């Protein structure tokens, strides 16, 4: 490319960025106010009595990724329905649903609790000494994906574990391969890839109270982390179309 043309193109791109930033600052509050109105209406239609929708991050900056709270008396099915309905409002990015402690402050993300309850009595199974997911676990993964969907926009860590039998290095590699397999399975079920992280810890973290050799240590765990930007950023307003 001609250097002069490249310079003109770069200057044009920079001008567009500046204009976009200015437009965001000018129209952002009105844009978010409209989103909030639609989100509250959608939550109400889904039965979300008492549910609050916050479009500000911890720094007070406006965001398209709202945090839902309240609605303590709602059952899990209703909370999931409310979250899904709000997430489908055009213009809203990923949402998180936080659980409130008795003091009213946000504690842990509700979707992680939901996944932990699902996996209390069932395990994502694999073929022996393999990262191939057992077909019998496909429906379980469907449930896990549905429970994680309200937390899209957060970082979701998929962590693989093994028991202490066999070679430690091989166990570490196997636990990572299984976490990767689950990550890809969730991507296939609509969970965005950029928010999923896979890690394997081998046999280093056995279940509390269990013998490290117990097969029950072979498991997949999930950790949902609400993103905390290093510095505030302007609203990410959607482009045309």
Protein backbone atom coordinates (compact mmCIF):
# COMPACT_ATOMS: atom_id res chain seq x y z
CA UNK A 1 0.00 0.00 0.00
CA UNK A 2 1.13 3.55 -0.80
CA UNK A 3 2.50 5.11 2.47
CA UNK A 4 0.51 8.28 1.88
CA UNK A 5 -2.74 6.34 1.45
CA UNK A 6 -1.94 4.28 4.55
CA UNK A 7 -1.39 7.49 6.53
CA UNK A 8 -4.71 8.95 5.32
CA UNK A 9 -6.52 5.69 6.17
CA UNK A 10 -5.01 5.65 9.66
CA UNK A 11 -6.00 9.27 10.24
CA UNK A 12 -9.53 8.51 9.08
CA UNK A 13 -9.79 5.53 11.43
CA UNK A 14 -8.57 7.67 14.31
CA UNK A 15 -11.16 10.36 13.53
CA UNK A 16 -13.93 7.75 13.44
CA UNK A 17 -12.81 6.45 16.85
CA UNK A 18 -12.87 9.97 18.32
CA UNK A 19 -16.32 10.68 16.88
CA UNK A 20 -17.61 7.33 18.12
CA UNK A 21 -16.29 8.05 21.63
CA UNK A 22 -17.91 11.51 21.61
CA UNK A 23 -21.24 10.13 20.42
CA UNK A 24 -21.10 7.46 23.12
CA UNK A 25 -20.56 10.05 25.86
CA UNK A 26 -23.35 12.21 24.46
CA UNK A 27 -26.00 9.56 23.86
CA UNK A 28 -24.90 6.82 26.29
CA UNK A 29 -27.16 7.70 29.26
CA UNK A 30 -30.24 7.88 27.05
CA UNK A 31 -29.29 4.61 25.33
CA UNK A 32 -28.84 2.81 28.66
CA UNK A 33 -32.04 4.34 30.06
CA UNK A 34 -33.91 2.85 27.11
CA UNK A 35 -32.27 -0.53 27.61
CA UNK A 36 -33.12 -0.48 31.31
CA UNK A 37 -36.75 0.32 30.63
CA UNK A 38 -37.00 -2.60 28.19
CA UNK A 39 -35.10 -4.93 30.56
CA UNK A 40 -37.36 -4.13 33.51
CA UNK A 41 -40.44 -4.67 31.33
CA UNK A 42 -39.08 -7.99 30.02
CA UNK A 43 -38.25 -9.18 33.54
CA UNK A 44 -41.73 -8.25 34.76
CA UNK A 45 -43.38 -10.14 31.90
CA UNK A 46 -41.34 -13.22 32.88
CA UNK A 47 -42.53 -13.03 36.50
CA UNK A 48 -39.50 -11.24 37.94
CA UNK A 49 -41.24 -9.42 40.78
CA UNK A 50 -38.66 -7.67 42.97
CA UNK A 51 -35.79 -8.18 40.50
CA UNK A 52 -33.46 -5.18 40.13
CA UNK A 53 -31.49 -4.51 36.95
CA UNK A 54 -28.25 -2.51 37.30
CA UNK A 55 -26.51 -1.08 34.23
CA UNK A 56 -23.50 0.33 36.10
CA UNK A 57 -20.24 -1.42 36.90
CA UNK A 58 -18.41 -1.17 40.21
CA UNK A 59 -16.84 2.11 39.07
CA UNK A 60 -20.20 3.71 38.29
CA UNK A 61 -19.63 3.53 34.53
CA UNK A 62 -22.57 2.60 32.32
CA UNK A 63 -22.49 -0.83 30.70
CA UNK A 64 -24.57 -3.01 28.38
CA UNK A 65 -23.88 -6.01 30.65
CA UNK A 66 -26.40 -5.63 33.49
CA UNK A 67 -26.30 -7.33 36.89
CA UNK A 68 -29.58 -8.74 38.18
CA UNK A 69 -30.29 -8.92 41.89
CA UNK A 70 -33.21 -9.27 44.30
CA UNK A 71 -36.21 -11.54 43.77
CA UNK A 72 -35.19 -13.72 46.71
CA UNK A 73 -38.58 -15.42 46.86
CA UNK A 74 -38.50 -16.52 43.22
CA UNK A 75 -37.75 -20.16 42.45
CA UNK A 76 -34.79 -21.13 40.27
CA UNK A 77 -36.93 -21.79 37.20
CA UNK A 78 -38.41 -18.29 37.37
CA UNK A 79 -35.01 -16.67 37.92
CA UNK A 80 -33.62 -18.51 34.91
CA UNK A 81 -36.61 -17.47 32.79
CA UNK A 82 -36.27 -13.83 33.87
CA UNK A 83 -32.53 -13.80 33.07
CA UNK A 84 -33.09 -15.37 29.64
CA UNK A 85 -35.88 -12.92 28.77
CA UNK A 86 -33.73 -9.91 29.73
CA UNK A 87 -30.70 -11.29 27.88
CA UNK A 88 -32.83 -11.44 24.71
CA UNK A 89 -33.55 -7.69 24.77
CA UNK A 90 -31.81 -6.22 21.67
CA UNK A 91 -28.73 -4.22 22.65
CA UNK A 92 -28.05 -6.03 25.92
CA UNK A 93 -24.77 -7.93 26.14
CA UNK A 94 -24.04 -10.77 28.56
CA UNK A 95 -25.71 -10.55 31.94
CA UNK A 96 -24.90 -11.88 35.40
CA UNK A 97 -27.30 -12.69 38.18
CA UNK A 98 -25.81 -12.02 41.59
CA UNK A 99 -27.06 -13.47 44.84
CA UNK A 100 -27.44 -11.07 47.74
CA UNK A 101 -26.30 -11.89 51.25
CA UNK A 102 -28.36 -11.04 54.33
CA UNK A 103 -26.62 -7.66 54.49
CA UNK A 104 -27.92 -6.89 51.00
CA UNK A 105 -24.46 -6.83 49.42
CA UNK A 106 -23.74 -8.92 46.34
CA UNK A 107 -22.15 -12.25 47.30
CA UNK A 108 -21.61 -14.92 44.63
CA UNK A 109 -22.99 -15.32 41.13
CA UNK A 110 -26.21 -17.28 41.14
CA UNK A 111 -25.43 -19.35 38.05
CA UNK A 112 -22.41 -20.94 39.73
CA UNK A 113 -24.66 -22.09 42.59
CA UNK A 114 -27.05 -23.57 40.03
CA UNK A 115 -24.28 -25.53 38.31
CA UNK A 116 -22.92 -26.79 41.62
CA UNK A 117 -26.37 -28.08 42.56
CA UNK A 118 -26.66 -29.88 39.22
CA UNK A 119 -23.29 -31.59 39.76
CA UNK A 120 -23.86 -32.50 43.42
CA UNK A 121 -25.27 -35.90 42.53
CA UNK A 122 -24.09 -36.34 38.93
CA UNK A 123 -20.72 -36.22 37.20
CA UNK A 124 -19.65 -35.39 33.66
CA UNK A 125 -18.22 -38.74 32.61
CA UNK A 126 -15.50 -39.65 30.12
CA UNK A 127 -14.26 -42.81 28.46
CA UNK A 128 -11.57 -44.51 30.57
CA UNK A 129 -8.17 -42.74 30.38
CA UNK A 130 -9.62 -40.50 27.66
CA UNK A 131 -10.93 -36.97 27.13
CA UNK A 132 -13.87 -38.27 25.11
CA UNK A 133 -17.12 -37.28 26.84
CA UNK A 134 -19.43 -40.21 27.53
CA UNK A 135 -22.64 -39.87 25.44
CA UNK A 136 -24.62 -40.42 28.66
CA UNK A 137 -23.38 -37.02 29.88
CA UNK A 138 -24.74 -35.02 26.92
CA UNK A 139 -28.03 -34.17 28.67
CA UNK A 140 -26.13 -33.18 31.79
CA UNK A 141 -24.03 -30.77 29.71
CA UNK A 142 -27.26 -29.33 28.28
CA UNK A 143 -28.37 -28.52 31.84
CA UNK A 144 -24.99 -27.01 32.72
CA UNK A 145 -25.08 -24.78 29.62
CA UNK A 146 -28.60 -23.57 30.43
CA UNK A 147 -27.53 -22.69 33.97
CA UNK A 148 -24.40 -20.84 32.78
CA UNK A 149 -26.19 -18.85 30.09
CA UNK A 150 -27.42 -16.09 32.46
CA UNK A 151 -23.78 -15.45 33.38
CA UNK A 152 -22.57 -14.93 29.82
CA UNK A 153 -20.31 -11.90 29.94
CA UNK A 154 -18.40 -13.22 32.94
CA UNK A 155 -15.29 -15.38 32.84
CA UNK A 156 -16.28 -19.03 33.24
CA UNK A 157 -13.41 -21.32 34.26
CA UNK A 158 -13.72 -25.03 33.49
CA UNK A 159 -11.37 -26.98 35.79
CA UNK A 160 -10.46 -30.64 35.35
CA UNK A 161 -9.43 -32.92 38.24
CA UNK A 162 -8.21 -36.51 38.53
CA UNK A 163 -7.55 -38.92 41.38
CA UNK A 164 -3.99 -39.62 42.52
CA UNK A 165 -3.65 -42.95 40.77
CA UNK A 166 -1.08 -43.31 37.99
CA UNK A 167 1.52 -40.87 36.75
CA UNK A 168 1.16 -37.29 38.05
CA UNK A 169 2.27 -35.70 34.77
CA UNK A 170 -0.14 -37.84 32.74
CA UNK A 171 -2.96 -36.98 35.18
CA UNK A 172 -2.27 -33.27 34.75
CA UNK A 173 -2.41 -33.55 30.96
CA UNK A 174 -5.60 -35.66 31.11
CA UNK A 175 -7.35 -33.22 33.43
CA UNK A 176 -6.56 -30.34 31.05
CA UNK A 177 -7.71 -32.32 28.00
CA UNK A 178 -11.01 -33.13 29.71
CA UNK A 179 -11.53 -29.50 30.68
CA UNK A 180 -10.88 -28.54 27.05
CA UNK A 181 -13.43 -31.12 25.89
CA UNK A 182 -16.08 -29.68 28.22
CA UNK A 183 -15.20 -26.14 27.10
CA UNK A 184 -15.79 -27.10 23.46
CA UNK A 185 -19.01 -28.87 24.40
CA UNK A 186 -20.28 -25.67 26.04
CA UNK A 187 -19.24 -23.59 23.03
CA UNK A 188 -21.31 -25.95 20.91
CA UNK A 189 -24.24 -25.20 23.19
CA UNK A 190 -24.05 -21.46 22.69
CA UNK A 191 -21.71 -20.30 25.47
CA UNK A 192 -19.30 -17.74 23.90
CA UNK A 193 -15.75 -19.05 23.52
CA UNK A 194 -14.08 -15.81 24.62
CA UNK A 195 -15.54 -16.11 28.13
CA UNK A 196 -14.55 -19.75 28.69
CA UNK A 197 -11.21 -20.79 30.20
CA UNK A 198 -10.06 -24.41 30.55
CA UNK A 199 -7.51 -25.56 33.12
CA UNK A 200 -6.33 -28.88 34.52
CA UNK A 201 -4.91 -29.40 38.00
CA UNK A 202 -4.48 -33.17 37.95
CA UNK A 203 -4.73 -34.68 41.44
CA UNK A 204 -3.54 -31.59 43.33
CA UNK A 205 -6.98 -30.64 44.69
CA UNK A 206 -8.83 -33.75 45.93
CA UNK A 207 -12.35 -33.39 47.33
CA UNK A 208 -12.18 -32.46 51.02
CA UNK A 209 -12.46 -35.55 53.19
CA UNK A 210 -11.83 -38.01 50.36
CA UNK A 211 -8.85 -40.31 49.90
CA UNK A 212 -6.80 -38.82 47.02
CA UNK A 213 -7.05 -42.21 45.28
CA UNK A 214 -10.87 -42.20 45.39
CA UNK A 215 -12.33 -42.20 41.84
CA UNK A 216 -14.80 -39.50 42.97
CA UNK A 217 -11.93 -37.04 42.62
CA UNK A 218 -12.20 -37.41 38.85
CA UNK A 219 -14.43 -34.43 38.18
CA UNK A 220 -15.05 -31.15 36.36
CA UNK A 221 -15.70 -27.99 38.38
CA UNK A 222 -16.78 -24.51 37.29
CA UNK A 223 -15.83 -21.12 38.64
CA UNK A 224 -17.67 -18.01 37.46
CA UNK A 225 -15.82 -14.73 37.85
CA UNK A 226 -17.45 -11.36 37.19
CA UNK A 227 -15.07 -9.35 34.99
CA UNK A 228 -13.36 -6.33 36.59
CA UNK A 229 -11.80 -4.01 33.99
CA UNK A 230 -8.43 -2.45 34.81
CA UNK A 231 -9.83 0.95 33.93
CA UNK A 232 -13.32 2.21 33.07
CA UNK A 233 -14.36 2.11 29.42
CA UNK A 234 -17.20 3.92 27.61
CA UNK A 235 -20.43 2.15 26.71
CA UNK A 236 -20.05 -0.34 23.91
CA UNK A 237 -23.01 0.80 21.80
CA UNK A 238 -24.06 -1.67 19.10
CA UNK A 239 -23.38 -0.85 15.50
CA UNK A 240 -26.02 -0.68 12.76
CA UNK A 241 -27.63 -3.90 11.60
